Structures are given as structure tokens and as C-alpha cells.
N, C-alpha and C. Protein backbone atom coordinates (compact mmCIF):
# COMPACT_ATOMS: atom_id res chain seq x y z
N UNK A 1 52.23 -50.58 111.07
CA UNK A 1 53.27 -51.23 110.28
C UNK A 1 52.88 -52.66 109.93
N UNK A 2 52.35 -53.37 110.91
CA UNK A 2 51.91 -54.74 110.68
C UNK A 2 50.76 -54.78 109.68
N UNK A 3 49.85 -53.81 109.78
CA UNK A 3 48.73 -53.75 108.85
C UNK A 3 49.20 -53.48 107.43
N UNK A 4 50.23 -52.64 107.27
CA UNK A 4 50.78 -52.35 105.95
C UNK A 4 51.41 -53.59 105.33
N UNK A 5 52.16 -54.35 106.12
CA UNK A 5 52.77 -55.58 105.62
C UNK A 5 51.71 -56.60 105.21
N UNK A 6 50.66 -56.68 106.02
CA UNK A 6 49.61 -57.64 105.71
C UNK A 6 48.89 -57.27 104.42
N UNK A 7 48.59 -55.99 104.23
CA UNK A 7 47.92 -55.56 103.01
C UNK A 7 48.79 -55.77 101.78
N UNK A 8 50.12 -55.53 101.94
CA UNK A 8 51.01 -55.76 100.81
C UNK A 8 51.11 -57.23 100.45
N UNK A 9 51.11 -58.11 101.45
CA UNK A 9 51.15 -59.55 101.18
C UNK A 9 49.86 -60.02 100.52
N UNK A 10 48.73 -59.44 100.94
CA UNK A 10 47.46 -59.80 100.32
C UNK A 10 47.43 -59.37 98.86
N UNK A 11 47.93 -58.16 98.57
CA UNK A 11 47.98 -57.69 97.20
C UNK A 11 48.89 -58.56 96.36
N UNK A 12 50.04 -58.97 96.94
CA UNK A 12 50.96 -59.84 96.21
C UNK A 12 50.33 -61.18 95.91
N UNK A 13 49.58 -61.72 96.87
CA UNK A 13 48.90 -63.01 96.66
C UNK A 13 47.85 -62.89 95.57
N UNK A 14 47.10 -61.78 95.59
CA UNK A 14 46.09 -61.58 94.57
C UNK A 14 46.70 -61.45 93.19
N UNK A 15 47.87 -60.81 93.10
CA UNK A 15 48.53 -60.69 91.81
C UNK A 15 48.95 -62.05 91.28
N UNK A 16 49.50 -62.91 92.15
CA UNK A 16 49.89 -64.25 91.74
C UNK A 16 48.67 -65.06 91.31
N UNK A 17 47.57 -64.92 92.04
CA UNK A 17 46.36 -65.63 91.67
C UNK A 17 45.82 -65.17 90.32
N UNK A 18 45.85 -63.86 90.10
CA UNK A 18 45.40 -63.33 88.82
C UNK A 18 46.28 -63.82 87.68
N UNK A 19 47.60 -63.80 87.90
CA UNK A 19 48.52 -64.29 86.88
C UNK A 19 48.29 -65.77 86.59
N UNK A 20 48.04 -66.56 87.63
CA UNK A 20 47.77 -67.98 87.44
C UNK A 20 46.48 -68.20 86.67
N UNK A 21 45.45 -67.42 86.99
CA UNK A 21 44.18 -67.54 86.27
C UNK A 21 44.37 -67.21 84.78
N UNK A 22 45.10 -66.13 84.49
CA UNK A 22 45.33 -65.77 83.09
C UNK A 22 46.16 -66.83 82.37
N UNK A 23 47.11 -67.42 83.08
CA UNK A 23 47.92 -68.47 82.47
C UNK A 23 47.07 -69.69 82.11
N UNK A 24 46.19 -70.09 83.03
CA UNK A 24 45.31 -71.23 82.76
C UNK A 24 44.36 -70.93 81.61
N UNK A 25 43.79 -69.71 81.60
CA UNK A 25 42.88 -69.33 80.52
C UNK A 25 43.60 -69.29 79.18
N UNK A 26 44.86 -68.85 79.17
CA UNK A 26 45.64 -68.81 77.93
C UNK A 26 45.90 -70.21 77.40
N UNK A 27 46.25 -71.13 78.30
CA UNK A 27 46.49 -72.51 77.87
C UNK A 27 45.22 -73.14 77.32
N UNK A 28 44.08 -72.92 77.99
CA UNK A 28 42.81 -73.47 77.52
C UNK A 28 42.42 -72.86 76.17
N UNK A 29 42.63 -71.54 76.01
CA UNK A 29 42.31 -70.89 74.74
C UNK A 29 43.18 -71.43 73.60
N UNK A 30 44.45 -71.65 73.88
CA UNK A 30 45.33 -72.23 72.86
C UNK A 30 44.90 -73.65 72.51
N UNK A 31 44.46 -74.40 73.51
CA UNK A 31 44.02 -75.77 73.27
C UNK A 31 42.82 -75.80 72.33
N UNK A 32 41.89 -74.87 72.48
CA UNK A 32 40.72 -74.83 71.62
C UNK A 32 41.03 -74.18 70.27
N UNK A 33 42.07 -73.36 70.20
CA UNK A 33 42.41 -72.69 68.94
C UNK A 33 43.24 -73.59 68.03
N UNK A 34 43.92 -74.59 68.57
CA UNK A 34 44.80 -75.43 67.75
C UNK A 34 44.06 -76.12 66.60
N UNK A 35 42.87 -76.70 66.79
CA UNK A 35 42.18 -77.30 65.63
C UNK A 35 41.85 -76.29 64.54
N UNK A 36 41.47 -75.07 64.94
CA UNK A 36 41.17 -74.03 63.95
C UNK A 36 42.44 -73.66 63.19
N UNK A 37 43.55 -73.53 63.92
CA UNK A 37 44.83 -73.23 63.27
C UNK A 37 45.22 -74.34 62.31
N UNK A 38 44.98 -75.60 62.72
CA UNK A 38 45.31 -76.75 61.86
C UNK A 38 44.50 -76.71 60.56
N UNK A 39 43.22 -76.34 60.65
CA UNK A 39 42.38 -76.26 59.46
C UNK A 39 42.84 -75.13 58.54
N UNK A 40 43.19 -73.99 59.13
CA UNK A 40 43.61 -72.85 58.31
C UNK A 40 44.91 -73.16 57.57
N UNK A 41 45.88 -73.73 58.30
CA UNK A 41 47.15 -74.08 57.66
C UNK A 41 46.95 -75.17 56.61
N UNK A 42 46.10 -76.16 56.94
CA UNK A 42 45.86 -77.25 55.99
C UNK A 42 45.19 -76.80 54.71
N UNK A 43 44.40 -75.72 54.77
CA UNK A 43 43.74 -75.24 53.55
C UNK A 43 44.73 -74.66 52.55
N UNK A 44 45.92 -74.27 53.01
CA UNK A 44 46.93 -73.72 52.12
C UNK A 44 47.98 -74.75 51.72
N UNK A 45 47.88 -75.99 52.22
CA UNK A 45 48.88 -77.01 51.91
C UNK A 45 48.35 -77.95 50.83
N UNK A 46 49.22 -78.68 50.15
CA UNK A 46 48.76 -79.66 49.15
C UNK A 46 47.88 -80.73 49.78
N UNK A 47 47.03 -81.33 48.99
CA UNK A 47 46.09 -82.31 49.51
C UNK A 47 46.79 -83.51 50.12
N UNK A 48 47.94 -83.88 49.61
CA UNK A 48 48.68 -85.03 50.14
C UNK A 48 49.29 -84.77 51.50
N UNK A 49 49.39 -83.49 51.90
CA UNK A 49 50.02 -83.16 53.17
C UNK A 49 49.03 -82.62 54.20
N UNK A 50 47.75 -82.67 53.89
CA UNK A 50 46.76 -82.12 54.82
C UNK A 50 46.69 -82.95 56.08
N UNK A 51 46.54 -84.26 55.94
CA UNK A 51 46.45 -85.17 57.10
C UNK A 51 47.81 -85.80 57.35
N UNK A 52 48.75 -84.98 57.77
CA UNK A 52 50.12 -85.45 57.98
C UNK A 52 50.51 -85.47 59.44
N UNK A 53 49.55 -85.59 60.35
CA UNK A 53 49.86 -85.69 61.77
C UNK A 53 50.28 -84.37 62.37
N UNK A 54 51.19 -84.44 63.33
CA UNK A 54 51.63 -83.23 64.04
C UNK A 54 52.41 -82.29 63.14
N UNK A 55 52.99 -82.82 62.06
CA UNK A 55 53.72 -81.94 61.15
C UNK A 55 52.79 -80.99 60.40
N UNK A 56 51.47 -81.26 60.47
CA UNK A 56 50.53 -80.37 59.83
C UNK A 56 50.44 -79.01 60.49
N UNK A 57 50.94 -78.89 61.73
CA UNK A 57 50.94 -77.59 62.39
C UNK A 57 52.03 -76.68 61.86
N UNK A 58 53.01 -77.26 61.16
CA UNK A 58 54.12 -76.46 60.64
C UNK A 58 53.70 -75.88 59.29
N UNK A 59 53.70 -74.56 59.13
CA UNK A 59 53.26 -73.96 57.86
C UNK A 59 54.32 -74.05 56.77
N UNK A 60 54.32 -75.17 56.04
CA UNK A 60 55.25 -75.37 54.93
C UNK A 60 54.48 -75.65 53.65
N UNK A 61 55.12 -75.34 52.51
CA UNK A 61 54.54 -75.56 51.17
C UNK A 61 53.15 -74.91 51.05
N UNK A 62 53.05 -73.69 51.50
CA UNK A 62 51.77 -72.99 51.46
C UNK A 62 51.54 -72.36 50.09
N UNK A 63 50.29 -72.43 49.63
CA UNK A 63 49.91 -71.82 48.35
C UNK A 63 48.40 -71.64 48.30
N UNK A 64 47.95 -70.89 47.29
CA UNK A 64 46.51 -70.66 47.10
C UNK A 64 45.92 -71.63 46.06
N UNK A 65 46.60 -72.75 45.83
CA UNK A 65 46.14 -73.69 44.80
C UNK A 65 44.79 -74.29 45.15
N UNK A 66 44.57 -74.60 46.43
CA UNK A 66 43.28 -75.20 46.81
C UNK A 66 42.13 -74.23 46.59
N UNK A 67 42.34 -72.96 46.93
CA UNK A 67 41.28 -71.97 46.73
C UNK A 67 41.04 -71.71 45.24
N UNK A 68 42.11 -71.69 44.47
CA UNK A 68 41.95 -71.52 43.02
C UNK A 68 41.24 -72.72 42.41
N UNK A 69 41.50 -73.91 42.97
CA UNK A 69 40.84 -75.11 42.46
C UNK A 69 39.34 -75.09 42.69
N UNK A 70 38.91 -74.47 43.78
CA UNK A 70 37.46 -74.36 44.04
C UNK A 70 36.79 -73.54 42.95
N UNK A 71 37.39 -72.39 42.60
CA UNK A 71 36.80 -71.54 41.56
C UNK A 71 36.88 -72.21 40.20
N UNK A 72 37.95 -72.97 39.95
CA UNK A 72 38.07 -73.65 38.66
C UNK A 72 37.07 -74.79 38.53
N UNK A 73 36.83 -75.51 39.63
CA UNK A 73 35.91 -76.65 39.59
C UNK A 73 34.45 -76.20 39.49
N UNK A 74 34.11 -75.14 40.22
CA UNK A 74 32.73 -74.63 40.22
C UNK A 74 32.62 -73.47 39.24
N UNK A 75 32.73 -73.81 37.97
CA UNK A 75 32.70 -72.75 36.95
C UNK A 75 31.92 -73.17 35.71
N UNK A 76 31.03 -74.16 35.86
CA UNK A 76 30.23 -74.61 34.71
C UNK A 76 28.80 -74.88 35.16
N UNK A 77 27.91 -75.03 34.20
CA UNK A 77 26.52 -75.31 34.52
C UNK A 77 26.33 -76.69 35.12
N UNK A 78 27.22 -77.62 34.80
CA UNK A 78 27.11 -78.98 35.33
C UNK A 78 27.41 -79.03 36.82
N UNK A 79 28.41 -78.30 37.26
CA UNK A 79 28.80 -78.29 38.68
C UNK A 79 28.21 -77.13 39.45
N UNK A 80 27.73 -76.11 38.74
CA UNK A 80 27.26 -74.91 39.41
C UNK A 80 28.37 -73.88 39.52
N UNK A 81 28.00 -72.65 39.77
CA UNK A 81 28.97 -71.56 39.86
C UNK A 81 29.15 -71.16 41.33
N UNK A 82 30.38 -70.84 41.68
CA UNK A 82 30.68 -70.48 43.06
C UNK A 82 29.94 -69.23 43.49
N UNK A 83 29.83 -68.26 42.60
CA UNK A 83 29.12 -67.02 42.93
C UNK A 83 27.66 -67.31 43.25
N UNK A 84 27.05 -68.25 42.53
CA UNK A 84 25.67 -68.61 42.78
C UNK A 84 25.51 -69.24 44.17
N UNK A 85 26.41 -70.14 44.54
CA UNK A 85 26.35 -70.76 45.86
C UNK A 85 26.55 -69.74 46.98
N UNK A 86 27.49 -68.82 46.76
CA UNK A 86 27.74 -67.79 47.78
C UNK A 86 26.54 -66.87 47.93
N UNK A 87 25.90 -66.54 46.81
CA UNK A 87 24.73 -65.66 46.87
C UNK A 87 23.57 -66.34 47.59
N UNK A 88 23.35 -67.63 47.34
CA UNK A 88 22.30 -68.37 48.03
C UNK A 88 22.58 -68.42 49.53
N UNK A 89 23.83 -68.62 49.91
CA UNK A 89 24.18 -68.65 51.33
C UNK A 89 23.89 -67.31 52.00
N UNK A 90 24.21 -66.22 51.31
CA UNK A 90 23.95 -64.89 51.87
C UNK A 90 22.45 -64.65 52.03
N UNK A 91 21.67 -65.05 51.02
CA UNK A 91 20.22 -64.85 51.09
C UNK A 91 19.61 -65.68 52.21
N UNK A 92 20.01 -66.94 52.32
CA UNK A 92 19.46 -67.82 53.36
C UNK A 92 19.85 -67.31 54.75
N UNK A 93 21.10 -66.92 54.92
CA UNK A 93 21.55 -66.41 56.22
C UNK A 93 20.80 -65.15 56.61
N UNK A 94 20.65 -64.23 55.67
CA UNK A 94 19.92 -62.99 55.96
C UNK A 94 18.46 -63.27 56.32
N UNK A 95 17.82 -64.19 55.58
CA UNK A 95 16.42 -64.51 55.86
C UNK A 95 16.26 -65.17 57.22
N UNK A 96 17.17 -66.08 57.56
CA UNK A 96 17.06 -66.78 58.84
C UNK A 96 17.31 -65.82 60.01
N UNK A 97 18.33 -64.99 59.90
CA UNK A 97 18.64 -64.06 61.00
C UNK A 97 17.52 -63.04 61.18
N UNK A 98 17.07 -62.42 60.07
CA UNK A 98 16.01 -61.41 60.17
C UNK A 98 14.71 -62.04 60.65
N UNK A 99 14.36 -63.20 60.10
CA UNK A 99 13.14 -63.86 60.54
C UNK A 99 13.19 -64.31 61.98
N UNK A 100 14.35 -64.78 62.43
CA UNK A 100 14.49 -65.21 63.82
C UNK A 100 14.35 -64.04 64.78
N UNK A 101 14.94 -62.90 64.43
CA UNK A 101 14.82 -61.73 65.30
C UNK A 101 13.37 -61.29 65.45
N UNK A 102 12.62 -61.37 64.37
CA UNK A 102 11.22 -60.92 64.43
C UNK A 102 10.34 -61.95 65.13
N UNK A 103 10.39 -63.20 64.68
CA UNK A 103 9.49 -64.23 65.20
C UNK A 103 9.83 -64.58 66.65
N UNK A 104 11.09 -64.86 66.93
CA UNK A 104 11.46 -65.29 68.28
C UNK A 104 11.28 -64.19 69.32
N UNK A 105 11.63 -62.95 68.94
CA UNK A 105 11.48 -61.85 69.90
C UNK A 105 10.01 -61.55 70.16
N UNK A 106 9.16 -61.61 69.13
CA UNK A 106 7.73 -61.36 69.35
C UNK A 106 7.10 -62.47 70.18
N UNK A 107 7.50 -63.72 69.94
CA UNK A 107 6.97 -64.82 70.75
C UNK A 107 7.42 -64.70 72.20
N UNK A 108 8.70 -64.35 72.39
CA UNK A 108 9.20 -64.19 73.76
C UNK A 108 8.51 -63.04 74.47
N UNK A 109 8.25 -61.95 73.76
CA UNK A 109 7.55 -60.81 74.37
C UNK A 109 6.15 -61.21 74.81
N UNK A 110 5.44 -61.99 73.99
CA UNK A 110 4.09 -62.40 74.36
C UNK A 110 4.10 -63.31 75.57
N UNK A 111 5.11 -64.18 75.69
CA UNK A 111 5.19 -65.06 76.85
C UNK A 111 5.56 -64.30 78.12
N UNK A 112 6.42 -63.30 78.00
CA UNK A 112 6.95 -62.62 79.19
C UNK A 112 6.09 -61.46 79.65
N UNK A 113 5.45 -60.72 78.74
CA UNK A 113 4.79 -59.48 79.12
C UNK A 113 3.27 -59.48 78.95
N UNK A 114 2.72 -60.40 78.19
CA UNK A 114 1.29 -60.38 77.92
C UNK A 114 0.57 -61.52 78.64
N UNK A 115 -0.72 -61.33 78.88
CA UNK A 115 -1.55 -62.34 79.53
C UNK A 115 -2.60 -62.82 78.55
N UNK A 116 -2.61 -64.11 78.29
CA UNK A 116 -3.59 -64.70 77.40
C UNK A 116 -3.79 -66.16 77.77
N UNK A 117 -4.92 -66.68 77.40
CA UNK A 117 -5.32 -68.02 77.79
C UNK A 117 -4.45 -69.08 77.09
N UNK A 118 -4.02 -70.06 77.86
CA UNK A 118 -3.21 -71.14 77.32
C UNK A 118 -1.74 -70.83 77.21
N UNK A 119 -1.28 -69.71 77.81
CA UNK A 119 0.12 -69.32 77.68
C UNK A 119 1.06 -70.31 78.37
N UNK A 120 0.66 -70.79 79.55
CA UNK A 120 1.50 -71.72 80.28
C UNK A 120 1.67 -73.04 79.53
N UNK A 121 0.59 -73.50 78.92
CA UNK A 121 0.66 -74.77 78.19
C UNK A 121 1.58 -74.64 76.98
N UNK A 122 1.44 -73.54 76.23
CA UNK A 122 2.29 -73.35 75.06
C UNK A 122 3.75 -73.13 75.44
N UNK A 123 3.97 -72.43 76.56
CA UNK A 123 5.35 -72.24 76.99
C UNK A 123 5.97 -73.56 77.43
N UNK A 124 5.17 -74.43 78.04
CA UNK A 124 5.66 -75.77 78.39
C UNK A 124 6.02 -76.55 77.14
N UNK A 125 5.25 -76.40 76.07
CA UNK A 125 5.57 -77.05 74.81
C UNK A 125 6.87 -76.51 74.22
N UNK A 126 7.10 -75.21 74.38
CA UNK A 126 8.35 -74.62 73.91
C UNK A 126 9.54 -75.23 74.65
N UNK A 127 9.41 -75.40 75.96
CA UNK A 127 10.48 -76.02 76.74
C UNK A 127 10.72 -77.46 76.29
N UNK A 128 9.63 -78.18 75.99
CA UNK A 128 9.77 -79.56 75.51
C UNK A 128 10.48 -79.59 74.16
N UNK A 129 10.18 -78.61 73.31
CA UNK A 129 10.82 -78.57 71.98
C UNK A 129 12.31 -78.32 72.06
N UNK A 130 12.77 -77.66 73.14
CA UNK A 130 14.22 -77.46 73.28
C UNK A 130 14.96 -78.77 73.52
N UNK A 131 14.26 -79.78 74.00
CA UNK A 131 14.89 -81.07 74.27
C UNK A 131 14.95 -81.93 73.01
N UNK A 132 13.99 -81.75 72.10
CA UNK A 132 13.92 -82.57 70.89
C UNK A 132 14.98 -82.11 69.89
N UNK A 133 15.86 -82.98 69.44
CA UNK A 133 16.88 -82.56 68.46
C UNK A 133 16.27 -82.34 67.08
N UNK A 134 16.97 -81.58 66.27
CA UNK A 134 16.47 -81.27 64.92
C UNK A 134 16.39 -82.53 64.05
N UNK A 135 17.26 -83.50 64.29
CA UNK A 135 17.24 -84.72 63.49
C UNK A 135 15.92 -85.47 63.63
N UNK A 136 15.23 -85.30 64.76
CA UNK A 136 13.96 -86.00 64.97
C UNK A 136 12.84 -85.44 64.10
N UNK A 137 12.95 -84.18 63.70
CA UNK A 137 11.90 -83.55 62.88
C UNK A 137 12.38 -83.29 61.46
N UNK A 138 13.62 -83.65 61.14
CA UNK A 138 14.14 -83.37 59.79
C UNK A 138 13.40 -84.18 58.73
N UNK A 139 13.14 -85.47 59.01
CA UNK A 139 12.45 -86.30 58.03
C UNK A 139 11.00 -85.86 57.80
N UNK A 140 10.21 -85.55 58.84
CA UNK A 140 8.86 -85.01 58.56
C UNK A 140 8.88 -83.71 57.78
N UNK A 141 9.84 -82.84 58.09
CA UNK A 141 9.94 -81.59 57.33
C UNK A 141 10.30 -81.85 55.87
N UNK A 142 11.08 -82.89 55.65
CA UNK A 142 11.48 -83.22 54.28
C UNK A 142 10.27 -83.58 53.43
N UNK A 143 9.33 -84.31 54.02
CA UNK A 143 8.13 -84.70 53.27
C UNK A 143 7.08 -83.59 53.26
N UNK A 144 7.05 -82.75 54.31
CA UNK A 144 6.10 -81.65 54.32
C UNK A 144 6.39 -80.65 53.22
N UNK A 145 7.66 -80.38 52.97
CA UNK A 145 8.07 -79.40 51.95
C UNK A 145 8.59 -80.12 50.71
N UNK A 146 7.89 -81.19 50.30
CA UNK A 146 8.36 -81.97 49.15
C UNK A 146 8.35 -81.15 47.86
N UNK A 147 7.46 -80.18 47.77
CA UNK A 147 7.39 -79.38 46.55
C UNK A 147 8.40 -78.25 46.50
N UNK A 148 9.07 -77.96 47.61
CA UNK A 148 10.05 -76.86 47.65
C UNK A 148 11.46 -77.33 48.03
N UNK A 149 11.80 -78.54 47.67
CA UNK A 149 13.09 -79.08 48.10
C UNK A 149 14.27 -78.39 47.42
N UNK A 150 14.10 -77.88 46.25
CA UNK A 150 15.19 -77.23 45.52
C UNK A 150 15.05 -75.71 45.53
N UNK A 151 14.41 -75.17 46.53
CA UNK A 151 14.22 -73.73 46.62
C UNK A 151 14.88 -73.18 47.87
N UNK A 152 14.98 -71.85 47.92
CA UNK A 152 15.58 -71.19 49.08
C UNK A 152 14.65 -71.28 50.29
N UNK A 153 13.35 -71.42 50.04
CA UNK A 153 12.38 -71.43 51.14
C UNK A 153 12.64 -72.58 52.10
N UNK A 154 12.91 -73.77 51.56
CA UNK A 154 13.11 -74.93 52.41
C UNK A 154 14.38 -74.82 53.24
N UNK A 155 15.33 -74.00 52.79
CA UNK A 155 16.57 -73.82 53.54
C UNK A 155 16.46 -72.76 54.62
N UNK A 156 15.40 -71.96 54.60
CA UNK A 156 15.28 -70.86 55.55
C UNK A 156 14.15 -71.06 56.56
N UNK A 157 12.96 -71.43 56.09
CA UNK A 157 11.78 -71.48 56.95
C UNK A 157 11.95 -72.41 58.16
N UNK A 158 12.46 -73.64 58.02
CA UNK A 158 12.56 -74.51 59.20
C UNK A 158 13.47 -74.00 60.29
N UNK A 159 14.33 -73.02 59.99
CA UNK A 159 15.30 -72.56 60.97
C UNK A 159 14.97 -71.18 61.54
N UNK A 160 13.85 -70.60 61.15
CA UNK A 160 13.51 -69.26 61.64
C UNK A 160 13.00 -69.32 63.07
N UNK A 161 11.95 -70.08 63.31
CA UNK A 161 11.41 -70.21 64.66
C UNK A 161 12.24 -71.23 65.43
N UNK A 162 12.84 -70.79 66.53
CA UNK A 162 13.71 -71.65 67.33
C UNK A 162 13.23 -71.65 68.77
N UNK A 163 12.94 -72.85 69.30
CA UNK A 163 12.40 -72.95 70.65
C UNK A 163 13.38 -72.45 71.69
N UNK A 164 14.66 -72.77 71.51
CA UNK A 164 15.64 -72.34 72.51
C UNK A 164 15.79 -70.83 72.52
N UNK A 165 15.74 -70.19 71.35
CA UNK A 165 15.84 -68.73 71.30
C UNK A 165 14.62 -68.10 71.97
N UNK A 166 13.44 -68.67 71.77
CA UNK A 166 12.24 -68.14 72.42
C UNK A 166 12.35 -68.27 73.93
N UNK A 167 12.81 -69.43 74.40
CA UNK A 167 12.94 -69.65 75.84
C UNK A 167 13.96 -68.71 76.47
N UNK A 168 15.14 -68.59 75.85
CA UNK A 168 16.18 -67.73 76.42
C UNK A 168 15.78 -66.26 76.39
N UNK A 169 15.09 -65.84 75.32
CA UNK A 169 14.64 -64.44 75.25
C UNK A 169 13.56 -64.17 76.29
N UNK A 170 12.67 -65.14 76.50
CA UNK A 170 11.63 -64.98 77.53
C UNK A 170 12.25 -64.87 78.91
N UNK A 171 13.23 -65.70 79.19
CA UNK A 171 13.88 -65.65 80.50
C UNK A 171 14.62 -64.33 80.69
N UNK A 172 15.28 -63.84 79.64
CA UNK A 172 15.97 -62.54 79.75
C UNK A 172 14.97 -61.42 80.00
N UNK A 173 13.80 -61.51 79.38
CA UNK A 173 12.78 -60.49 79.59
C UNK A 173 12.26 -60.52 81.02
N UNK A 174 12.09 -61.73 81.58
CA UNK A 174 11.69 -61.84 82.98
C UNK A 174 12.71 -61.19 83.90
N UNK A 175 14.00 -61.46 83.64
CA UNK A 175 15.06 -60.93 84.49
C UNK A 175 15.09 -59.40 84.45
N UNK A 176 15.01 -58.84 83.23
CA UNK A 176 15.03 -57.38 83.11
C UNK A 176 13.79 -56.76 83.74
N UNK A 177 12.66 -57.42 83.62
CA UNK A 177 11.44 -56.90 84.23
C UNK A 177 11.52 -56.94 85.75
N UNK A 178 12.11 -58.03 86.30
CA UNK A 178 12.25 -58.12 87.75
C UNK A 178 13.23 -57.07 88.27
N UNK A 179 14.30 -56.81 87.52
CA UNK A 179 15.27 -55.81 87.96
C UNK A 179 14.67 -54.41 87.93
N UNK A 180 13.78 -54.14 86.97
CA UNK A 180 13.17 -52.82 86.90
C UNK A 180 12.22 -52.57 88.06
N UNK A 181 11.73 -53.64 88.71
CA UNK A 181 10.80 -53.49 89.82
C UNK A 181 11.50 -53.43 91.17
N UNK A 182 12.81 -53.57 91.20
CA UNK A 182 13.52 -53.56 92.47
C UNK A 182 13.53 -52.15 93.07
N UNK A 183 13.41 -52.06 94.36
CA UNK A 183 13.49 -50.73 94.99
C UNK A 183 14.91 -50.18 94.95
N UNK A 184 15.04 -48.90 95.14
CA UNK A 184 16.35 -48.26 95.09
C UNK A 184 17.22 -48.77 96.24
N UNK A 185 18.45 -49.12 95.91
CA UNK A 185 19.38 -49.63 96.91
C UNK A 185 19.33 -51.14 97.08
N UNK A 186 18.50 -51.84 96.27
CA UNK A 186 18.37 -53.29 96.39
C UNK A 186 19.61 -53.95 95.82
N UNK A 187 20.15 -54.93 96.52
CA UNK A 187 21.33 -55.66 96.07
C UNK A 187 21.06 -57.15 96.10
N UNK A 188 21.80 -57.90 95.26
CA UNK A 188 21.64 -59.34 95.23
C UNK A 188 22.15 -59.95 96.52
N UNK A 189 21.38 -60.82 97.18
CA UNK A 189 21.86 -61.47 98.41
C UNK A 189 23.08 -62.31 98.13
N UNK A 190 24.12 -62.11 98.92
CA UNK A 190 25.35 -62.87 98.78
C UNK A 190 26.39 -62.21 97.91
N UNK A 191 26.00 -61.19 97.09
CA UNK A 191 26.95 -60.49 96.25
C UNK A 191 27.62 -59.34 96.98
N UNK A 192 27.02 -58.87 98.03
CA UNK A 192 27.58 -57.75 98.76
C UNK A 192 27.36 -57.97 100.24
N UNK A 193 28.28 -57.46 101.03
CA UNK A 193 28.14 -57.61 102.47
C UNK A 193 27.02 -56.78 103.02
N UNK A 194 26.65 -55.71 102.31
CA UNK A 194 25.56 -54.85 102.75
C UNK A 194 24.39 -55.04 101.82
N UNK A 195 23.27 -55.46 102.30
CA UNK A 195 22.04 -55.60 101.52
C UNK A 195 20.97 -54.73 102.14
N UNK A 196 20.09 -54.25 101.28
CA UNK A 196 19.07 -53.33 101.74
C UNK A 196 18.03 -54.06 102.58
N UNK A 197 17.27 -53.29 103.35
CA UNK A 197 16.25 -53.88 104.19
C UNK A 197 15.13 -54.49 103.35
N UNK A 198 14.85 -53.86 102.21
CA UNK A 198 13.77 -54.38 101.37
C UNK A 198 14.11 -55.75 100.81
N UNK A 199 15.42 -55.99 100.49
CA UNK A 199 15.79 -57.29 99.95
C UNK A 199 15.74 -58.35 101.02
N UNK A 200 16.08 -58.00 102.27
CA UNK A 200 16.05 -58.99 103.34
C UNK A 200 14.62 -59.31 103.78
N UNK A 201 13.72 -58.36 103.55
CA UNK A 201 12.35 -58.60 103.97
C UNK A 201 11.63 -59.54 102.99
N UNK A 202 11.65 -59.21 101.72
CA UNK A 202 10.93 -60.03 100.75
C UNK A 202 11.74 -60.14 99.47
N UNK A 203 12.83 -60.93 99.45
CA UNK A 203 13.64 -61.03 98.23
C UNK A 203 12.93 -61.76 97.10
N UNK A 204 12.02 -62.67 97.42
CA UNK A 204 11.37 -63.43 96.37
C UNK A 204 10.35 -62.60 95.60
N UNK A 205 9.94 -61.46 96.16
CA UNK A 205 8.94 -60.64 95.49
C UNK A 205 9.49 -60.01 94.22
N UNK A 206 10.83 -59.87 94.15
CA UNK A 206 11.43 -59.19 93.01
C UNK A 206 12.20 -60.15 92.10
N UNK A 207 12.02 -61.44 92.29
CA UNK A 207 12.71 -62.42 91.46
C UNK A 207 11.81 -62.84 90.33
N UNK A 208 12.42 -63.32 89.18
CA UNK A 208 11.61 -63.72 88.04
C UNK A 208 10.67 -64.87 88.42
N UNK A 209 9.43 -64.78 87.94
CA UNK A 209 8.43 -65.78 88.26
C UNK A 209 7.94 -66.45 86.98
N UNK A 210 7.25 -67.56 87.15
CA UNK A 210 6.61 -68.24 86.02
C UNK A 210 5.57 -67.33 85.41
N UNK A 211 5.44 -67.32 84.06
CA UNK A 211 4.49 -66.41 83.42
C UNK A 211 3.08 -66.72 83.86
N UNK A 212 2.33 -65.66 84.18
CA UNK A 212 0.95 -65.82 84.63
C UNK A 212 -0.02 -65.50 83.50
């Protein structure tokens, strides 16, 4: 009887803790969603009421005039056409995403699974490049591609190869490779009360290592 009461109290406590966690997560999510909501509502309001303080959260005087004004303004050769800008954005996005998947994944695969001379040095350079912001290399790229400044190439090529994507993909490949080498019944130390004998004997043998 005492054990039943104790288990019921533990379940009740866990329910309250879960409810509290969800309440906190909901408040935090609403806090981060409010600026997005403010932008969406403001896009449908007149320009004079966009920056109206807290009253901007109230959806009043909504219309599609701002969106219609974009199409009306971008409808001549002097200003450019909206369809042309949208098409360029689609082409650049597709080129960057497709190129990044190919280049970054192939580079990460070579760092994680292949053995070749100078791999450690180049991987160290990749880690260093993750620290350098894009603004530091934007000006040199501007002069390097001086002949292609008004083309789609200059908008896509500098963003295809990404050092952080190469590093994160390489690390994920190490983790998956280490997990595939674990013996049957191996568990993460500290995640379960029962761990296999093989994990207690040599846990570092199955953890991700620096590329050799």
C-alpha cells in the first residue's frame, strides 16, 4: 500500500514537472514568435502605422496595398520586373543548395573516411575558416570577381563551399562510423544504469577520433 502511494505521488510530481516544462517552452516560443507576428501584421498595415509601438500587434486596417505596390513599382525596365528578381532568387538558391550538398558532402567524406597526405593540415584550416566571418573575405571576393559582378555566378559561387558545413558533416560521419563499430549491447556510459562489459573495458576505442 505504501509503495502504491509513493508511485502515485512520483507520477503526479512528474506530471507537474512536465506541465511546467511545456509552459516554459510555450512562453519562450511565444517570445520568439512575437517579432515575426509583428512583421507579418505590419506588412498588411499602412506605412504610417507600421512603426506604431505596441499597437502594431493589433491587426487593424489590414489590406494588400503594400503587396500590390511592390508589383506596381517593379514593373518597368528602369526599376526591373518582380518576376525577374524572383526567378534570379530561385536560380541562385537552387545552385547554392545543390552545389553545397555536392561539394561539402564530398569534402567531408574525404576528411572522415579517406586517408591522404596533408589531411590533418587542411582540416585544421577548415576549422580556422569557421572562425573567420564572411565580412572579412567579402572585399577580396569583390575584387576577385570584378568581371562577374552583375551575373548570377557571383551570387552563388562564394556561398557553395562552406567551412562550417564541411566540419559538421565530417563530425557527423565520425559519429556514425564510431557507432557502427560498437559491439552488440554497447550503451553510452551514464545514459543507462546497465552498461555492457565491452563499454566498461575500453569505451574510448569506439569514440570518434581525429582523422588519421
